[in-house]
Amino acid sequence: MASAAELKLLEKSLGLSKGNKYSAQGERQIPVLQTNNGPSLTGLTTIATHLVKQANKEYLLGSTAEEKAIVHQWLEYRVTRVDGHSNKEDIHTLLKDLNSYLEDKVYLTGNNFTLADILLYYGLHRFILLSSSQSALLVHQAQSLNASITIPQGLYWRYPSLYFPSCVGS
């Protein structure tokens, strides 16, 4: 249940107190959050958005209407394109496309760090560990983000070789 682990890391990075209870439903193990004040919430992006709002860090959802739409677009991309892929050819294509998109951007929405950057990073993390040829495609993604931004687990986008040594020189 990787999504529950990601949500727990997100909680920690947002400064939320622990205690949320997560489960998974269905064959695809869709995360479910049982809330204290209402119905359960289902889905990675729904729950992540809820946590951001709960932490009063709505700037992570975008500051303009256009940026909010782009954040939403990348959250959908994470769930529809990144999750569930294990075929090497699909992963290779996905990483190449993403690398091209980020060529002239600092973050996914342009100049602002958002929830989309966090969740896409979490989703891509497992691909970084696959092989050196695939991790080479992430070089631009890693360099495009400011090294001063610490993301959960203390990993930095800018210098993946420092944090993923198994990917370098293999």
N, C-alpha and C. Protein backbone atom coordinates (compact mmCIF):
# COMPACT_ATOMS: atom_id res chain seq x y z
N MET A 1 0.83 -1.18 0.00
CA MET A 1 0.00 0.00 0.00
C MET A 1 0.88 1.25 0.00
N ALA A 2 1.54 1.47 -1.13
CA ALA A 2 2.48 2.58 -1.28
C ALA A 2 1.81 3.93 -1.08
N SER A 3 0.59 4.09 -1.54
CA SER A 3 -0.08 5.38 -1.43
C SER A 3 -0.28 5.79 0.02
N ALA A 4 -0.57 4.85 0.90
CA ALA A 4 -0.74 5.18 2.32
C ALA A 4 0.59 5.67 2.89
N ALA A 5 1.68 5.05 2.50
CA ALA A 5 3.00 5.50 2.97
C ALA A 5 3.29 6.91 2.46
N GLU A 6 2.94 7.18 1.21
CA GLU A 6 3.12 8.52 0.65
C GLU A 6 2.29 9.54 1.41
N LEU A 7 1.07 9.18 1.74
CA LEU A 7 0.20 10.11 2.46
C LEU A 7 0.72 10.37 3.86
N LYS A 8 1.29 9.38 4.50
CA LYS A 8 1.89 9.58 5.83
C LYS A 8 3.10 10.50 5.74
N LEU A 9 3.90 10.33 4.69
CA LEU A 9 5.04 11.24 4.48
C LEU A 9 4.56 12.66 4.21
N LEU A 10 3.50 12.79 3.44
CA LEU A 10 2.95 14.10 3.15
C LEU A 10 2.45 14.75 4.44
N GLU A 11 1.75 13.99 5.27
CA GLU A 11 1.29 14.50 6.56
C GLU A 11 2.46 15.07 7.36
N LYS A 12 3.53 14.30 7.41
CA LYS A 12 4.71 14.71 8.18
C LYS A 12 5.31 15.99 7.60
N SER A 13 5.45 16.05 6.28
CA SER A 13 6.04 17.23 5.66
C SER A 13 5.17 18.47 5.81
N LEU A 14 3.87 18.27 5.97
CA LEU A 14 2.94 19.39 6.15
C LEU A 14 2.84 19.81 7.61
N GLY A 15 3.47 19.04 8.49
CA GLY A 15 3.42 19.36 9.90
C GLY A 15 2.15 18.94 10.60
N LEU A 16 1.44 18.01 10.02
CA LEU A 16 0.20 17.52 10.62
C LEU A 16 0.52 16.46 11.66
N SER A 17 -0.29 16.41 12.70
CA SER A 17 -0.10 15.38 13.71
C SER A 17 -0.53 14.04 13.13
N LYS A 18 0.16 13.02 13.56
CA LYS A 18 -0.17 11.67 13.10
C LYS A 18 -1.50 11.25 13.70
N GLY A 19 -2.05 10.22 13.14
CA GLY A 19 -3.28 9.72 13.70
C GLY A 19 -4.34 9.40 12.66
N ASN A 20 -4.13 9.85 11.44
CA ASN A 20 -5.08 9.50 10.40
C ASN A 20 -4.99 8.01 10.12
N LYS A 21 -6.13 7.41 9.88
CA LYS A 21 -6.17 5.98 9.61
C LYS A 21 -6.44 5.76 8.13
N TYR A 22 -5.52 5.04 7.50
CA TYR A 22 -5.64 4.76 6.07
C TYR A 22 -5.89 3.28 5.87
N SER A 23 -6.62 2.99 4.82
CA SER A 23 -6.82 1.62 4.38
C SER A 23 -6.77 1.66 2.86
N ALA A 24 -7.00 0.54 2.25
CA ALA A 24 -7.01 0.48 0.79
C ALA A 24 -8.20 -0.35 0.36
N GLN A 25 -8.72 -0.01 -0.81
CA GLN A 25 -9.86 -0.77 -1.30
C GLN A 25 -9.63 -1.20 -2.74
N GLY A 26 -10.18 -2.32 -3.09
CA GLY A 26 -10.16 -2.80 -4.46
C GLY A 26 -8.84 -3.42 -4.88
N GLU A 27 -8.87 -3.93 -6.07
CA GLU A 27 -7.70 -4.61 -6.65
C GLU A 27 -6.51 -3.66 -6.82
N ARG A 28 -6.80 -2.40 -7.14
CA ARG A 28 -5.73 -1.42 -7.35
C ARG A 28 -5.27 -0.77 -6.06
N GLN A 29 -5.83 -1.19 -4.93
CA GLN A 29 -5.44 -0.68 -3.62
C GLN A 29 -5.54 0.84 -3.53
N ILE A 30 -6.70 1.37 -3.86
CA ILE A 30 -6.98 2.81 -3.80
C ILE A 30 -6.99 3.22 -2.33
N PRO A 31 -6.23 4.26 -1.96
CA PRO A 31 -6.20 4.66 -0.55
C PRO A 31 -7.52 5.25 -0.09
N VAL A 32 -7.83 4.99 1.18
CA VAL A 32 -9.05 5.50 1.81
C VAL A 32 -8.64 6.10 3.16
N LEU A 33 -9.14 7.30 3.42
CA LEU A 33 -8.91 7.96 4.71
C LEU A 33 -10.23 8.03 5.44
N GLN A 34 -10.25 7.47 6.64
CA GLN A 34 -11.45 7.58 7.47
C GLN A 34 -11.34 8.86 8.27
N THR A 35 -12.21 9.81 7.98
CA THR A 35 -12.17 11.10 8.67
C THR A 35 -12.95 11.00 9.97
N ASN A 36 -12.63 11.91 10.89
CA ASN A 36 -13.32 11.93 12.17
C ASN A 36 -14.68 12.61 12.08
N ASN A 37 -14.82 13.51 11.10
CA ASN A 37 -16.01 14.36 11.05
C ASN A 37 -16.91 14.11 9.86
N GLY A 38 -16.85 12.96 9.26
CA GLY A 38 -17.71 12.75 8.11
C GLY A 38 -17.39 11.48 7.37
N PRO A 39 -17.78 11.44 6.12
CA PRO A 39 -17.56 10.22 5.34
C PRO A 39 -16.07 10.03 5.04
N SER A 40 -15.72 8.82 4.70
CA SER A 40 -14.33 8.54 4.33
C SER A 40 -14.02 9.19 2.99
N LEU A 41 -12.74 9.51 2.80
CA LEU A 41 -12.27 10.09 1.54
C LEU A 41 -11.51 9.01 0.78
N THR A 42 -11.71 8.96 -0.53
CA THR A 42 -11.11 7.92 -1.34
C THR A 42 -10.28 8.53 -2.46
N GLY A 43 -9.09 7.99 -2.66
CA GLY A 43 -8.23 8.41 -3.77
C GLY A 43 -7.05 9.23 -3.30
N LEU A 44 -5.90 8.97 -3.90
CA LEU A 44 -4.65 9.63 -3.53
C LEU A 44 -4.76 11.15 -3.61
N THR A 45 -5.19 11.67 -4.73
CA THR A 45 -5.21 13.13 -4.90
C THR A 45 -6.29 13.80 -4.05
N THR A 46 -7.41 13.14 -3.87
CA THR A 46 -8.46 13.68 -3.00
C THR A 46 -7.96 13.81 -1.57
N ILE A 47 -7.33 12.75 -1.08
CA ILE A 47 -6.83 12.75 0.29
C ILE A 47 -5.69 13.75 0.43
N ALA A 48 -4.77 13.77 -0.52
CA ALA A 48 -3.63 14.69 -0.45
C ALA A 48 -4.11 16.14 -0.45
N THR A 49 -5.08 16.46 -1.27
CA THR A 49 -5.64 17.82 -1.31
C THR A 49 -6.28 18.16 0.04
N HIS A 50 -7.00 17.22 0.60
CA HIS A 50 -7.61 17.41 1.92
C HIS A 50 -6.54 17.70 2.97
N LEU A 51 -5.44 16.95 2.96
CA LEU A 51 -4.36 17.15 3.94
C LEU A 51 -3.73 18.53 3.79
N VAL A 52 -3.52 18.97 2.55
CA VAL A 52 -2.95 20.30 2.31
C VAL A 52 -3.86 21.37 2.89
N LYS A 53 -5.16 21.24 2.67
CA LYS A 53 -6.11 22.21 3.20
C LYS A 53 -6.16 22.15 4.73
N GLN A 54 -6.10 20.94 5.25
CA GLN A 54 -6.12 20.76 6.71
C GLN A 54 -4.90 21.43 7.35
N ALA A 55 -3.77 21.43 6.65
CA ALA A 55 -2.54 22.04 7.15
C ALA A 55 -2.47 23.55 6.88
N ASN A 56 -3.52 24.09 6.26
CA ASN A 56 -3.55 25.51 5.90
C ASN A 56 -2.38 25.90 5.00
N LYS A 57 -2.06 25.04 4.05
CA LYS A 57 -0.99 25.30 3.09
C LYS A 57 -1.54 25.24 1.67
N GLU A 58 -2.64 25.96 1.48
CA GLU A 58 -3.33 25.92 0.19
C GLU A 58 -2.51 26.49 -0.95
N TYR A 59 -1.45 27.22 -0.66
CA TYR A 59 -0.58 27.69 -1.73
C TYR A 59 0.02 26.52 -2.51
N LEU A 60 0.09 25.34 -1.88
CA LEU A 60 0.59 24.15 -2.57
C LEU A 60 -0.38 23.64 -3.64
N LEU A 61 -1.59 24.19 -3.65
CA LEU A 61 -2.59 23.79 -4.64
C LEU A 61 -2.63 24.77 -5.82
N GLY A 62 -1.78 25.80 -5.77
CA GLY A 62 -1.72 26.80 -6.83
C GLY A 62 -2.26 28.12 -6.34
N SER A 63 -1.73 29.21 -6.90
CA SER A 63 -2.14 30.53 -6.44
C SER A 63 -3.06 31.26 -7.42
N THR A 64 -3.02 30.89 -8.68
CA THR A 64 -3.92 31.50 -9.67
C THR A 64 -4.84 30.41 -10.23
N ALA A 65 -5.87 30.83 -10.93
CA ALA A 65 -6.78 29.84 -11.52
C ALA A 65 -6.02 28.92 -12.48
N GLU A 66 -5.13 29.50 -13.27
CA GLU A 66 -4.36 28.69 -14.22
C GLU A 66 -3.42 27.72 -13.49
N GLU A 67 -2.74 28.20 -12.47
CA GLU A 67 -1.84 27.35 -11.72
C GLU A 67 -2.59 26.22 -11.01
N LYS A 68 -3.77 26.54 -10.48
CA LYS A 68 -4.59 25.51 -9.83
C LYS A 68 -4.99 24.43 -10.84
N ALA A 69 -5.32 24.85 -12.04
CA ALA A 69 -5.69 23.89 -13.09
C ALA A 69 -4.48 23.02 -13.47
N ILE A 70 -3.30 23.62 -13.53
CA ILE A 70 -2.10 22.86 -13.87
C ILE A 70 -1.77 21.86 -12.76
N VAL A 71 -1.92 22.29 -11.51
CA VAL A 71 -1.70 21.35 -10.39
C VAL A 71 -2.65 20.17 -10.52
N HIS A 72 -3.92 20.47 -10.76
CA HIS A 72 -4.92 19.41 -10.91
C HIS A 72 -4.57 18.49 -12.08
N GLN A 73 -4.13 19.08 -13.17
CA GLN A 73 -3.72 18.30 -14.35
C GLN A 73 -2.61 17.32 -14.00
N TRP A 74 -1.59 17.78 -13.25
CA TRP A 74 -0.47 16.91 -12.90
C TRP A 74 -0.85 15.88 -11.84
N LEU A 75 -1.80 16.22 -10.99
CA LEU A 75 -2.27 15.21 -10.03
C LEU A 75 -3.01 14.10 -10.77
N GLU A 76 -3.80 14.47 -11.78
CA GLU A 76 -4.46 13.46 -12.61
C GLU A 76 -3.42 12.63 -13.37
N TYR A 77 -2.41 13.28 -13.88
CA TYR A 77 -1.33 12.59 -14.61
C TYR A 77 -0.68 11.55 -13.71
N ARG A 78 -0.44 11.92 -12.46
CA ARG A 78 0.19 10.99 -11.52
C ARG A 78 -0.65 9.72 -11.40
N VAL A 79 -1.96 9.88 -11.21
CA VAL A 79 -2.83 8.74 -10.98
C VAL A 79 -3.08 7.95 -12.26
N THR A 80 -3.26 8.64 -13.38
CA THR A 80 -3.63 7.94 -14.62
C THR A 80 -2.43 7.42 -15.41
N ARG A 81 -1.30 8.10 -15.35
CA ARG A 81 -0.16 7.72 -16.18
C ARG A 81 0.98 7.07 -15.40
N VAL A 82 1.24 7.54 -14.20
CA VAL A 82 2.39 7.04 -13.45
C VAL A 82 2.05 5.79 -12.66
N ASP A 83 0.96 5.84 -11.90
CA ASP A 83 0.60 4.69 -11.05
C ASP A 83 0.24 3.48 -11.90
N GLY A 84 0.71 2.35 -11.48
CA GLY A 84 0.35 1.11 -12.16
C GLY A 84 1.25 0.72 -13.31
N HIS A 85 2.17 1.57 -13.71
CA HIS A 85 3.04 1.21 -14.83
C HIS A 85 4.24 0.42 -14.33
N SER A 86 4.49 -0.69 -14.99
CA SER A 86 5.67 -1.48 -14.65
C SER A 86 6.41 -1.91 -15.90
N ASN A 87 5.82 -1.70 -17.05
CA ASN A 87 6.45 -2.03 -18.32
C ASN A 87 7.58 -1.05 -18.58
N LYS A 88 8.79 -1.57 -18.86
CA LYS A 88 9.96 -0.70 -19.04
C LYS A 88 9.78 0.29 -20.18
N GLU A 89 9.14 -0.11 -21.25
CA GLU A 89 8.94 0.80 -22.38
C GLU A 89 8.01 1.95 -22.00
N ASP A 90 6.94 1.65 -21.26
CA ASP A 90 6.03 2.70 -20.81
C ASP A 90 6.74 3.68 -19.88
N ILE A 91 7.52 3.14 -18.98
CA ILE A 91 8.25 3.98 -18.03
C ILE A 91 9.24 4.87 -18.77
N HIS A 92 9.95 4.29 -19.72
CA HIS A 92 10.93 5.04 -20.50
C HIS A 92 10.25 6.20 -21.23
N THR A 93 9.13 5.94 -21.86
CA THR A 93 8.38 6.97 -22.58
C THR A 93 7.88 8.04 -21.62
N LEU A 94 7.33 7.62 -20.51
CA LEU A 94 6.82 8.54 -19.50
C LEU A 94 7.92 9.48 -19.02
N LEU A 95 9.10 8.94 -18.71
CA LEU A 95 10.19 9.76 -18.21
C LEU A 95 10.74 10.70 -19.28
N LYS A 96 10.80 10.23 -20.51
CA LYS A 96 11.26 11.09 -21.61
C LYS A 96 10.29 12.25 -21.81
N ASP A 97 9.01 11.97 -21.81
CA ASP A 97 8.00 13.02 -21.99
C ASP A 97 8.07 14.04 -20.85
N LEU A 98 8.20 13.56 -19.65
CA LEU A 98 8.28 14.44 -18.50
C LEU A 98 9.55 15.29 -18.54
N ASN A 99 10.64 14.68 -18.92
CA ASN A 99 11.90 15.41 -19.03
C ASN A 99 11.77 16.54 -20.06
N SER A 100 11.14 16.26 -21.18
CA SER A 100 10.93 17.29 -22.21
C SER A 100 10.05 18.42 -21.68
N TYR A 101 9.00 18.06 -20.98
CA TYR A 101 8.09 19.07 -20.44
C TYR A 101 8.84 20.01 -19.49
N LEU A 102 9.71 19.45 -18.65
CA LEU A 102 10.40 20.24 -17.64
C LEU A 102 11.61 21.01 -18.17
N GLU A 103 11.90 20.85 -19.43
CA GLU A 103 13.10 21.46 -20.00
C GLU A 103 13.22 22.95 -19.72
N ASP A 104 12.14 23.68 -19.79
CA ASP A 104 12.19 25.13 -19.59
C ASP A 104 11.43 25.58 -18.35
N LYS A 105 11.26 24.67 -17.38
CA LYS A 105 10.52 24.99 -16.17
C LYS A 105 11.33 24.65 -14.93
N VAL A 106 11.05 25.35 -13.86
CA VAL A 106 11.67 25.04 -12.58
C VAL A 106 10.87 23.96 -11.87
N TYR A 107 9.55 24.13 -11.87
CA TYR A 107 8.63 23.17 -11.26
C TYR A 107 7.56 22.82 -12.28
N LEU A 108 6.71 21.89 -11.94
CA LEU A 108 5.68 21.45 -12.89
C LEU A 108 4.75 22.59 -13.31
N THR A 109 4.47 23.51 -12.39
CA THR A 109 3.58 24.62 -12.73
C THR A 109 4.34 25.84 -13.23
N GLY A 110 5.63 25.75 -13.31
CA GLY A 110 6.45 26.88 -13.75
C GLY A 110 7.45 27.27 -12.69
N ASN A 111 7.09 28.27 -11.85
CA ASN A 111 8.04 28.78 -10.86
C ASN A 111 7.67 28.49 -9.41
N ASN A 112 6.54 27.83 -9.18
CA ASN A 112 6.10 27.58 -7.81
C ASN A 112 6.04 26.09 -7.49
N PHE A 113 6.58 25.74 -6.34
CA PHE A 113 6.56 24.37 -5.84
C PHE A 113 5.15 24.07 -5.35
N THR A 114 4.58 22.93 -5.77
CA THR A 114 3.19 22.60 -5.43
C THR A 114 3.05 21.14 -5.03
N LEU A 115 1.85 20.80 -4.65
CA LEU A 115 1.51 19.41 -4.34
C LEU A 115 1.80 18.49 -5.52
N ALA A 116 1.63 18.99 -6.72
CA ALA A 116 1.91 18.18 -7.91
C ALA A 116 3.36 17.73 -7.94
N ASP A 117 4.29 18.61 -7.58
CA ASP A 117 5.71 18.25 -7.54
C ASP A 117 5.96 17.16 -6.50
N ILE A 118 5.33 17.30 -5.35
CA ILE A 118 5.52 16.32 -4.27
C ILE A 118 4.99 14.95 -4.69
N LEU A 119 3.74 14.90 -5.16
CA LEU A 119 3.14 13.60 -5.48
C LEU A 119 3.77 12.96 -6.71
N LEU A 120 4.18 13.77 -7.67
CA LEU A 120 4.84 13.19 -8.84
C LEU A 120 6.21 12.65 -8.44
N TYR A 121 6.88 13.35 -7.55
CA TYR A 121 8.16 12.84 -7.05
C TYR A 121 7.97 11.49 -6.36
N TYR A 122 6.99 11.43 -5.47
CA TYR A 122 6.71 10.16 -4.79
C TYR A 122 6.44 9.05 -5.80
N GLY A 123 5.64 9.36 -6.80
CA GLY A 123 5.29 8.36 -7.80
C GLY A 123 6.47 7.91 -8.65
N LEU A 124 7.40 8.83 -8.92
CA LEU A 124 8.55 8.51 -9.76
C LEU A 124 9.70 7.89 -8.97
N HIS A 125 9.68 8.03 -7.69
CA HIS A 125 10.78 7.54 -6.86
C HIS A 125 11.14 6.09 -7.14
N ARG A 126 10.14 5.26 -7.28
CA ARG A 126 10.42 3.82 -7.52
C ARG A 126 11.07 3.60 -8.88
N PHE A 127 10.83 4.47 -9.84
CA PHE A 127 11.45 4.33 -11.16
C PHE A 127 12.91 4.74 -11.13
N ILE A 128 13.26 5.66 -10.27
CA ILE A 128 14.64 6.11 -10.15
C ILE A 128 15.52 4.93 -9.78
N LEU A 129 15.00 4.03 -9.00
CA LEU A 129 15.77 2.90 -8.51
C LEU A 129 15.86 1.74 -9.50
N LEU A 130 15.19 1.83 -10.65
CA LEU A 130 15.14 0.70 -11.57
C LEU A 130 16.46 0.43 -12.29
N SER A 131 17.01 1.45 -12.92
CA SER A 131 18.26 1.24 -13.65
C SER A 131 18.92 2.56 -13.95
N SER A 132 20.20 2.52 -14.23
CA SER A 132 20.93 3.75 -14.49
C SER A 132 20.47 4.40 -15.79
N SER A 133 20.09 3.61 -16.79
CA SER A 133 19.66 4.21 -18.05
C SER A 133 18.35 4.97 -17.87
N GLN A 134 17.46 4.44 -17.07
CA GLN A 134 16.21 5.15 -16.82
C GLN A 134 16.43 6.34 -15.91
N SER A 135 17.30 6.20 -14.92
CA SER A 135 17.51 7.32 -14.01
C SER A 135 18.20 8.47 -14.72
N ALA A 136 18.95 8.18 -15.77
CA ALA A 136 19.59 9.25 -16.54
C ALA A 136 18.55 10.19 -17.12
N LEU A 137 17.37 9.68 -17.42
CA LEU A 137 16.31 10.52 -17.95
C LEU A 137 15.78 11.50 -16.92
N LEU A 138 16.04 11.22 -15.65
CA LEU A 138 15.55 12.10 -14.59
C LEU A 138 16.52 13.24 -14.28
N VAL A 139 17.64 13.27 -14.95
CA VAL A 139 18.65 14.27 -14.63
C VAL A 139 18.07 15.68 -14.70
N HIS A 140 17.35 15.99 -15.77
CA HIS A 140 16.80 17.33 -15.87
C HIS A 140 15.76 17.57 -14.78
N GLN A 141 14.93 16.58 -14.51
CA GLN A 141 13.93 16.75 -13.46
C GLN A 141 14.62 17.05 -12.14
N ALA A 142 15.69 16.34 -11.86
CA ALA A 142 16.41 16.55 -10.62
C ALA A 142 17.05 17.93 -10.59
N GLN A 143 17.61 18.36 -11.70
CA GLN A 143 18.28 19.65 -11.75
C GLN A 143 17.30 20.81 -11.78
N SER A 144 16.09 20.57 -12.23
CA SER A 144 15.14 21.66 -12.38
C SER A 144 14.60 22.18 -11.06
N LEU A 145 14.67 21.39 -10.03
CA LEU A 145 14.15 21.83 -8.74
C LEU A 145 15.28 22.38 -7.87
N ASN A 146 14.98 23.39 -7.12
CA ASN A 146 15.94 24.06 -6.28
C ASN A 146 16.41 23.14 -5.17
N ALA A 147 17.72 23.02 -5.01
CA ALA A 147 18.29 22.12 -4.01
C ALA A 147 17.94 22.54 -2.59
N SER A 148 17.54 23.79 -2.41
CA SER A 148 17.21 24.24 -1.06
C SER A 148 15.84 23.76 -0.60
N ILE A 149 15.03 23.22 -1.51
CA ILE A 149 13.72 22.70 -1.14
C ILE A 149 13.91 21.26 -0.66
N THR A 150 13.66 21.04 0.60
CA THR A 150 13.74 19.69 1.14
C THR A 150 12.37 19.07 1.02
N ILE A 151 12.32 17.91 0.42
CA ILE A 151 11.05 17.23 0.32
C ILE A 151 11.04 16.11 1.34
N PRO A 152 9.90 15.53 1.61
CA PRO A 152 9.83 14.48 2.62
C PRO A 152 10.87 13.39 2.39
N GLN A 153 11.31 12.81 3.44
CA GLN A 153 12.36 11.80 3.51
C GLN A 153 13.73 12.43 3.34
N GLY A 154 13.81 13.76 3.30
CA GLY A 154 15.10 14.42 3.21
C GLY A 154 15.77 14.25 1.86
N LEU A 155 15.03 13.92 0.84
CA LEU A 155 15.62 13.75 -0.48
C LEU A 155 15.53 15.03 -1.27
N TYR A 156 16.48 15.28 -2.12
CA TYR A 156 16.50 16.48 -2.95
C TYR A 156 16.40 16.07 -4.40
N TRP A 157 15.67 16.85 -5.17
CA TRP A 157 15.54 16.58 -6.60
C TRP A 157 16.85 16.85 -7.31
N ARG A 158 17.56 17.90 -6.93
CA ARG A 158 18.69 18.37 -7.71
C ARG A 158 19.82 17.35 -7.80
N TYR A 159 20.09 16.62 -6.78
CA TYR A 159 21.24 15.72 -6.75
C TYR A 159 20.83 14.28 -6.48
N PRO A 160 20.15 13.65 -7.43
CA PRO A 160 19.66 12.29 -7.16
C PRO A 160 20.79 11.29 -6.93
N SER A 161 21.95 11.51 -7.53
CA SER A 161 23.04 10.55 -7.37
C SER A 161 23.53 10.48 -5.93
N LEU A 162 23.35 11.58 -5.18
CA LEU A 162 23.75 11.56 -3.78
C LEU A 162 22.82 10.72 -2.92
N TYR A 163 21.57 10.62 -3.36
CA TYR A 163 20.58 9.94 -2.56
C TYR A 163 20.17 8.59 -3.14
N PHE A 164 20.51 8.35 -4.39
CA PHE A 164 20.22 7.10 -5.06
C PHE A 164 21.48 6.55 -5.69
N PRO A 165 22.51 6.24 -4.88
CA PRO A 165 23.80 5.82 -5.45
C PRO A 165 23.71 4.56 -6.29
N SER A 166 22.70 3.74 -6.08
CA SER A 166 22.59 2.50 -6.87
C SER A 166 22.27 2.80 -8.33
N CYS A 167 21.84 4.03 -8.63
CA CYS A 167 21.49 4.39 -10.00
C CYS A 167 22.67 4.90 -10.79
N VAL A 168 23.71 5.26 -10.12
CA VAL A 168 24.84 5.92 -10.78
C VAL A 168 25.94 4.91 -11.05
N GLY A 169 26.40 4.90 -12.27
CA GLY A 169 27.52 4.06 -12.65
C GLY A 169 27.22 2.58 -12.70
N SER A 170 25.98 2.21 -12.79
CA SER A 170 25.62 0.78 -12.86
C SER A 170 25.78 0.26 -14.26
